[in-house]
Amino acid sequence: MPRLALYALVVCLLAVTAAVVSFVQGSTWLGVVWVLLAGLSSNMAWYYRRRTRTAASR
């Protein structure tokens, strides 16, 4: 797995954890921000992984 995809995946997991903690503590808006960040970093991880696969197959 490429390094950027791995970093994006770690950020995604940390953002999901922060979102759960925020929702449990009752901070809905902050939880929503963390969920959006998790979605963005998840898309970045998929993009970098797919880009590396297509470059390797050429």
PDB file of N, CA and C in Angstrom:
ATOM      1  N   MET A   1       0.846  -1.175   0.000  1.00  0.00           N
ATOM      2  CA  MET A   1       0.000   0.000   0.000  1.00  0.00           C
ATOM      3  C   MET A   1       0.895   1.243   0.000  1.00  0.00           C
ATOM      4  N   PRO A   2       0.587   2.213  -0.848  1.00  0.00           N
ATOM      5  CA  PRO A   2       1.414   3.416  -0.907  1.00  0.00           C
ATOM      6  C   PRO A   2       1.342   4.211   0.396  1.00  0.00           C
ATOM      7  N   ARG A   3       2.380   4.971   0.623  1.00  0.00           N
ATOM      8  CA  ARG A   3       2.495   5.687   1.895  1.00  0.00           C
ATOM      9  C   ARG A   3       1.390   6.715   2.098  1.00  0.00           C
ATOM     10  N   LEU A   4       1.031   7.469   1.053  1.00  0.00           N
ATOM     11  CA  LEU A   4      -0.021   8.472   1.201  1.00  0.00           C
ATOM     12  C   LEU A   4      -1.369   7.830   1.499  1.00  0.00           C
ATOM     13  N   ALA A   5      -1.628   6.692   0.890  1.00  0.00           N
ATOM     14  CA  ALA A   5      -2.881   5.991   1.172  1.00  0.00           C
ATOM     15  C   ALA A   5      -2.902   5.497   2.606  1.00  0.00           C
ATOM     16  N   LEU A   6      -1.775   5.041   3.091  1.00  0.00           N
ATOM     17  CA  LEU A   6      -1.704   4.578   4.471  1.00  0.00           C
ATOM     18  C   LEU A   6      -1.916   5.727   5.450  1.00  0.00           C
ATOM     19  N   TYR A   7      -1.302   6.873   5.189  1.00  0.00           N
ATOM     20  CA  TYR A   7      -1.498   8.042   6.045  1.00  0.00           C
ATOM     21  C   TYR A   7      -2.963   8.488   6.037  1.00  0.00           C
ATOM     22  N   ALA A   8      -3.581   8.501   4.861  1.00  0.00           N
ATOM     23  CA  ALA A   8      -4.983   8.902   4.762  1.00  0.00           C
ATOM     24  C   ALA A   8      -5.883   7.917   5.515  1.00  0.00           C
ATOM     25  N   LEU A   9      -5.544   6.638   5.472  1.00  0.00           N
ATOM     26  CA  LEU A   9      -6.328   5.646   6.204  1.00  0.00           C
ATOM     27  C   LEU A   9      -6.196   5.834   7.715  1.00  0.00           C
ATOM     28  N   VAL A  10      -5.004   6.158   8.174  1.00  0.00           N
ATOM     29  CA  VAL A  10      -4.794   6.418   9.605  1.00  0.00           C
ATOM     30  C   VAL A  10      -5.590   7.648  10.038  1.00  0.00           C
ATOM     31  N   VAL A  11      -5.568   8.702   9.220  1.00  0.00           N
ATOM     32  CA  VAL A  11      -6.346   9.903   9.524  1.00  0.00           C
ATOM     33  C   VAL A  11      -7.832   9.576   9.560  1.00  0.00           C
ATOM     34  N   CYS A  12      -8.279   8.726   8.654  1.00  0.00           N
ATOM     35  CA  CYS A  12      -9.679   8.322   8.627  1.00  0.00           C
ATOM     36  C   CYS A  12     -10.064   7.595   9.918  1.00  0.00           C
ATOM     37  N   LEU A  13      -9.252   6.663  10.345  1.00  0.00           N
ATOM     38  CA  LEU A  13      -9.549   5.924  11.574  1.00  0.00           C
ATOM     39  C   LEU A  13      -9.540   6.841  12.798  1.00  0.00           C
ATOM     40  N   LEU A  14      -8.598   7.763  12.849  1.00  0.00           N
ATOM     41  CA  LEU A  14      -8.560   8.711  13.966  1.00  0.00           C
ATOM     42  C   LEU A  14      -9.767   9.646  13.949  1.00  0.00           C
ATOM     43  N   ALA A  15     -10.193  10.062  12.771  1.00  0.00           N
ATOM     44  CA  ALA A  15     -11.359  10.939  12.669  1.00  0.00           C
ATOM     45  C   ALA A  15     -12.634  10.214  13.082  1.00  0.00           C
ATOM     46  N   VAL A  16     -12.754   8.946  12.721  1.00  0.00           N
ATOM     47  CA  VAL A  16     -13.926   8.169  13.142  1.00  0.00           C
ATOM     48  C   VAL A  16     -13.939   8.027  14.661  1.00  0.00           C
ATOM     49  N   THR A  17     -12.779   7.768  15.233  1.00  0.00           N
ATOM     50  CA  THR A  17     -12.691   7.666  16.695  1.00  0.00           C
ATOM     51  C   THR A  17     -13.066   8.991  17.361  1.00  0.00           C
ATOM     52  N   ALA A  18     -12.569  10.084  16.823  1.00  0.00           N
ATOM     53  CA  ALA A  18     -12.896  11.397  17.377  1.00  0.00           C
ATOM     54  C   ALA A  18     -14.380  11.709  17.216  1.00  0.00           C
ATOM     55  N   ALA A  19     -14.983  11.272  16.120  1.00  0.00           N
ATOM     56  CA  ALA A  19     -16.410  11.498  15.920  1.00  0.00           C
ATOM     57  C   ALA A  19     -17.231  10.732  16.950  1.00  0.00           C
ATOM     58  N   VAL A  20     -16.859   9.498  17.198  1.00  0.00           N
ATOM     59  CA  VAL A  20     -17.581   8.705  18.197  1.00  0.00           C
ATOM     60  C   VAL A  20     -17.467   9.356  19.568  1.00  0.00           C
ATOM     61  N   VAL A  21     -16.274   9.787  19.923  1.00  0.00           N
ATOM     62  CA  VAL A  21     -16.079  10.438  21.223  1.00  0.00           C
ATOM     63  C   VAL A  21     -16.896  11.726  21.303  1.00  0.00           C
ATOM     64  N   SER A  22     -16.920  12.495  20.230  1.00  0.00           N
ATOM     65  CA  SER A  22     -17.683  13.744  20.226  1.00  0.00           C
ATOM     66  C   SER A  22     -19.175  13.490  20.384  1.00  0.00           C
ATOM     67  N   PHE A  23     -19.690  12.492  19.683  1.00  0.00           N
ATOM     68  CA  PHE A  23     -21.112  12.181  19.798  1.00  0.00           C
ATOM     69  C   PHE A  23     -21.459  11.664  21.193  1.00  0.00           C
ATOM     70  N   VAL A  24     -20.590  10.865  21.770  1.00  0.00           N
ATOM     71  CA  VAL A  24     -20.838  10.344  23.107  1.00  0.00           C
ATOM     72  C   VAL A  24     -20.848  11.469  24.134  1.00  0.00           C
ATOM     73  N   GLN A  25     -19.983  12.448  23.956  1.00  0.00           N
ATOM     74  CA  GLN A  25     -19.923  13.567  24.889  1.00  0.00           C
ATOM     75  C   GLN A  25     -21.020  14.604  24.646  1.00  0.00           C
ATOM     76  N   GLY A  26     -21.779  14.442  23.575  1.00  0.00           N
ATOM     77  CA  GLY A  26     -22.911  15.327  23.320  1.00  0.00           C
ATOM     78  C   GLY A  26     -22.626  16.496  22.410  1.00  0.00           C
ATOM     79  N   SER A  27     -21.475  16.527  21.790  1.00  0.00           N
ATOM     80  CA  SER A  27     -21.122  17.618  20.881  1.00  0.00           C
ATOM     81  C   SER A  27     -21.456  17.188  19.454  1.00  0.00           C
ATOM     82  N   THR A  28     -22.680  17.450  19.054  1.00  0.00           N
ATOM     83  CA  THR A  28     -23.168  16.977  17.758  1.00  0.00           C
ATOM     84  C   THR A  28     -22.445  17.647  16.590  1.00  0.00           C
ATOM     85  N   TRP A  29     -22.296  18.969  16.653  1.00  0.00           N
ATOM     86  CA  TRP A  29     -21.686  19.678  15.522  1.00  0.00           C
ATOM     87  C   TRP A  29     -20.235  19.274  15.324  1.00  0.00           C
ATOM     88  N   LEU A  30     -19.508  19.127  16.406  1.00  0.00           N
ATOM     89  CA  LEU A  30     -18.125  18.696  16.279  1.00  0.00           C
ATOM     90  C   LEU A  30     -18.050  17.267  15.736  1.00  0.00           C
ATOM     91  N   GLY A  31     -18.987  16.430  16.130  1.00  0.00           N
ATOM     92  CA  GLY A  31     -19.047  15.073  15.604  1.00  0.00           C
ATOM     93  C   GLY A  31     -19.294  15.047  14.110  1.00  0.00           C
ATOM     94  N   VAL A  32     -20.159  15.934  13.652  1.00  0.00           N
ATOM     95  CA  VAL A  32     -20.448  16.011  12.214  1.00  0.00           C
ATOM     96  C   VAL A  32     -19.201  16.441  11.446  1.00  0.00           C
ATOM     97  N   VAL A  33     -18.450  17.377  11.993  1.00  0.00           N
ATOM     98  CA  VAL A  33     -17.208  17.817  11.342  1.00  0.00           C
ATOM     99  C   VAL A  33     -16.226  16.657  11.248  1.00  0.00           C
ATOM    100  N   TRP A  34     -16.113  15.867  12.315  1.00  0.00           N
ATOM    101  CA  TRP A  34     -15.210  14.710  12.295  1.00  0.00           C
ATOM    102  C   TRP A  34     -15.682  13.666  11.279  1.00  0.00           C
ATOM    103  N   VAL A  35     -16.980  13.473  11.157  1.00  0.00           N
ATOM    104  CA  VAL A  35     -17.490  12.512  10.169  1.00  0.00           C
ATOM    105  C   VAL A  35     -17.161  12.980   8.753  1.00  0.00           C
ATOM    106  N   LEU A  36     -17.310  14.274   8.501  1.00  0.00           N
ATOM    107  CA  LEU A  36     -16.961  14.800   7.173  1.00  0.00           C
ATOM    108  C   LEU A  36     -15.472  14.638   6.884  1.00  0.00           C
ATOM    109  N   LEU A  37     -14.633  14.871   7.882  1.00  0.00           N
ATOM    110  CA  LEU A  37     -13.197  14.679   7.707  1.00  0.00           C
ATOM    111  C   LEU A  37     -12.866  13.208   7.454  1.00  0.00           C
ATOM    112  N   ALA A  38     -13.578  12.322   8.127  1.00  0.00           N
ATOM    113  CA  ALA A  38     -13.364  10.890   7.903  1.00  0.00           C
ATOM    114  C   ALA A  38     -13.739  10.506   6.471  1.00  0.00           C
ATOM    115  N   GLY A  39     -14.824  11.049   5.972  1.00  0.00           N
ATOM    116  CA  GLY A  39     -15.222  10.774   4.596  1.00  0.00           C
ATOM    117  C   GLY A  39     -14.211  11.284   3.586  1.00  0.00           C
ATOM    118  N   LEU A  40     -13.701  12.476   3.822  1.00  0.00           N
ATOM    119  CA  LEU A  40     -12.699  13.043   2.924  1.00  0.00           C
ATOM    120  C   LEU A  40     -11.424  12.212   2.913  1.00  0.00           C
ATOM    121  N   SER A  41     -10.946  11.849   4.081  1.00  0.00           N
ATOM    122  CA  SER A  41      -9.706  11.073   4.144  1.00  0.00           C
ATOM    123  C   SER A  41      -9.903   9.658   3.599  1.00  0.00           C
ATOM    124  N   SER A  42     -11.093   9.101   3.750  1.00  0.00           N
ATOM    125  CA  SER A  42     -11.376   7.796   3.165  1.00  0.00           C
ATOM    126  C   SER A  42     -11.306   7.859   1.641  1.00  0.00           C
ATOM    127  N   ASN A  43     -11.887   8.904   1.073  1.00  0.00           N
ATOM    128  CA  ASN A  43     -11.821   9.072  -0.382  1.00  0.00           C
ATOM    129  C   ASN A  43     -10.385   9.271  -0.853  1.00  0.00           C
ATOM    130  N   MET A  44      -9.591  10.012  -0.076  1.00  0.00           N
ATOM    131  CA  MET A  44      -8.192  10.200  -0.436  1.00  0.00           C
ATOM    132  C   MET A  44      -7.436   8.878  -0.407  1.00  0.00           C
ATOM    133  N   ALA A  45      -7.715   8.028   0.577  1.00  0.00           N
ATOM    134  CA  ALA A  45      -7.048   6.728   0.662  1.00  0.00           C
ATOM    135  C   ALA A  45      -7.388   5.869  -0.549  1.00  0.00           C
ATOM    136  N   TRP A  46      -8.665   5.833  -0.926  1.00  0.00           N
ATOM    137  CA  TRP A  46      -9.056   5.048  -2.097  1.00  0.00           C
ATOM    138  C   TRP A  46      -8.413   5.590  -3.363  1.00  0.00           C
ATOM    139  N   TYR A  47      -8.363   6.919  -3.481  1.00  0.00           N
ATOM    140  CA  TYR A  47      -7.783   7.532  -4.669  1.00  0.00           C
ATOM    141  C   TYR A  47      -6.303   7.175  -4.814  1.00  0.00           C
ATOM    142  N   TYR A  48      -5.532   7.332  -3.745  1.00  0.00           N
ATOM    143  CA  TYR A  48      -4.097   7.042  -3.822  1.00  0.00           C
ATOM    144  C   TYR A  48      -3.840   5.557  -4.048  1.00  0.00           C
ATOM    145  N   ARG A  49      -4.662   4.717  -3.459  1.00  0.00           N
ATOM    146  CA  ARG A  49      -4.489   3.274  -3.664  1.00  0.00           C
ATOM    147  C   ARG A  49      -4.792   2.895  -5.116  1.00  0.00           C
ATOM    148  N   ARG A  50      -5.887   3.435  -5.656  1.00  0.00           N
ATOM    149  CA  ARG A  50      -6.256   3.119  -7.038  1.00  0.00           C
ATOM    150  C   ARG A  50      -5.250   3.702  -8.027  1.00  0.00           C
ATOM    151  N   ARG A  51      -4.743   4.910  -7.735  1.00  0.00           N
ATOM    152  CA  ARG A  51      -3.768   5.529  -8.625  1.00  0.00           C
ATOM    153  C   ARG A  51      -2.488   4.701  -8.680  1.00  0.00           C
ATOM    154  N   THR A  52      -2.074   4.151  -7.558  1.00  0.00           N
ATOM    155  CA  THR A  52      -0.874   3.325  -7.528  1.00  0.00           C
ATOM    156  C   THR A  52      -1.099   2.019  -8.282  1.00  0.00           C
ATOM    157  N   ARG A  53      -2.283   1.433  -8.121  1.00  0.00           N
ATOM    158  CA  ARG A  53      -2.570   0.184  -8.835  1.00  0.00           C
ATOM    159  C   ARG A  53      -2.572   0.381 -10.346  1.00  0.00           C
ATOM    160  N   THR A  54      -3.180   1.452 -10.814  1.00  0.00           N
ATOM    161  CA  THR A  54      -3.237   1.675 -12.268  1.00  0.00           C
ATOM    162  C   THR A  54      -1.845   1.999 -12.814  1.00  0.00           C
ATOM    163  N   ALA A  55      -1.033   2.695 -12.037  1.00  0.00           N
ATOM    164  CA  ALA A  55       0.322   3.014 -12.499  1.00  0.00           C
ATOM    165  C   ALA A  55       1.187   1.750 -12.546  1.00  0.00           C
ATOM    166  N   ALA A  56       0.949   0.837 -11.629  1.00  0.00           N
ATOM    167  CA  ALA A  56       1.735  -0.397 -11.609  1.00  0.00           C
ATOM    168  C   ALA A  56       1.323  -1.356 -12.738  1.00  0.00           C
ATOM    169  N   SER A  57       0.081  -1.277 -13.161  1.00  0.00           N
ATOM    170  CA  SER A  57      -0.379  -2.207 -14.200  1.00  0.00           C
ATOM    171  C   SER A  57       0.006  -1.741 -15.609  1.00  0.00           C
ATOM    172  N   ARG A  58       0.479  -0.535 -15.745  1.00  0.00           N
ATOM    173  CA  ARG A  58       0.848  -0.028 -17.081  1.00  0.00           C
ATOM    174  C   ARG A  58       2.214  -0.455 -17.486  1.00  0.00           C
TER     175      ARG A  58
END
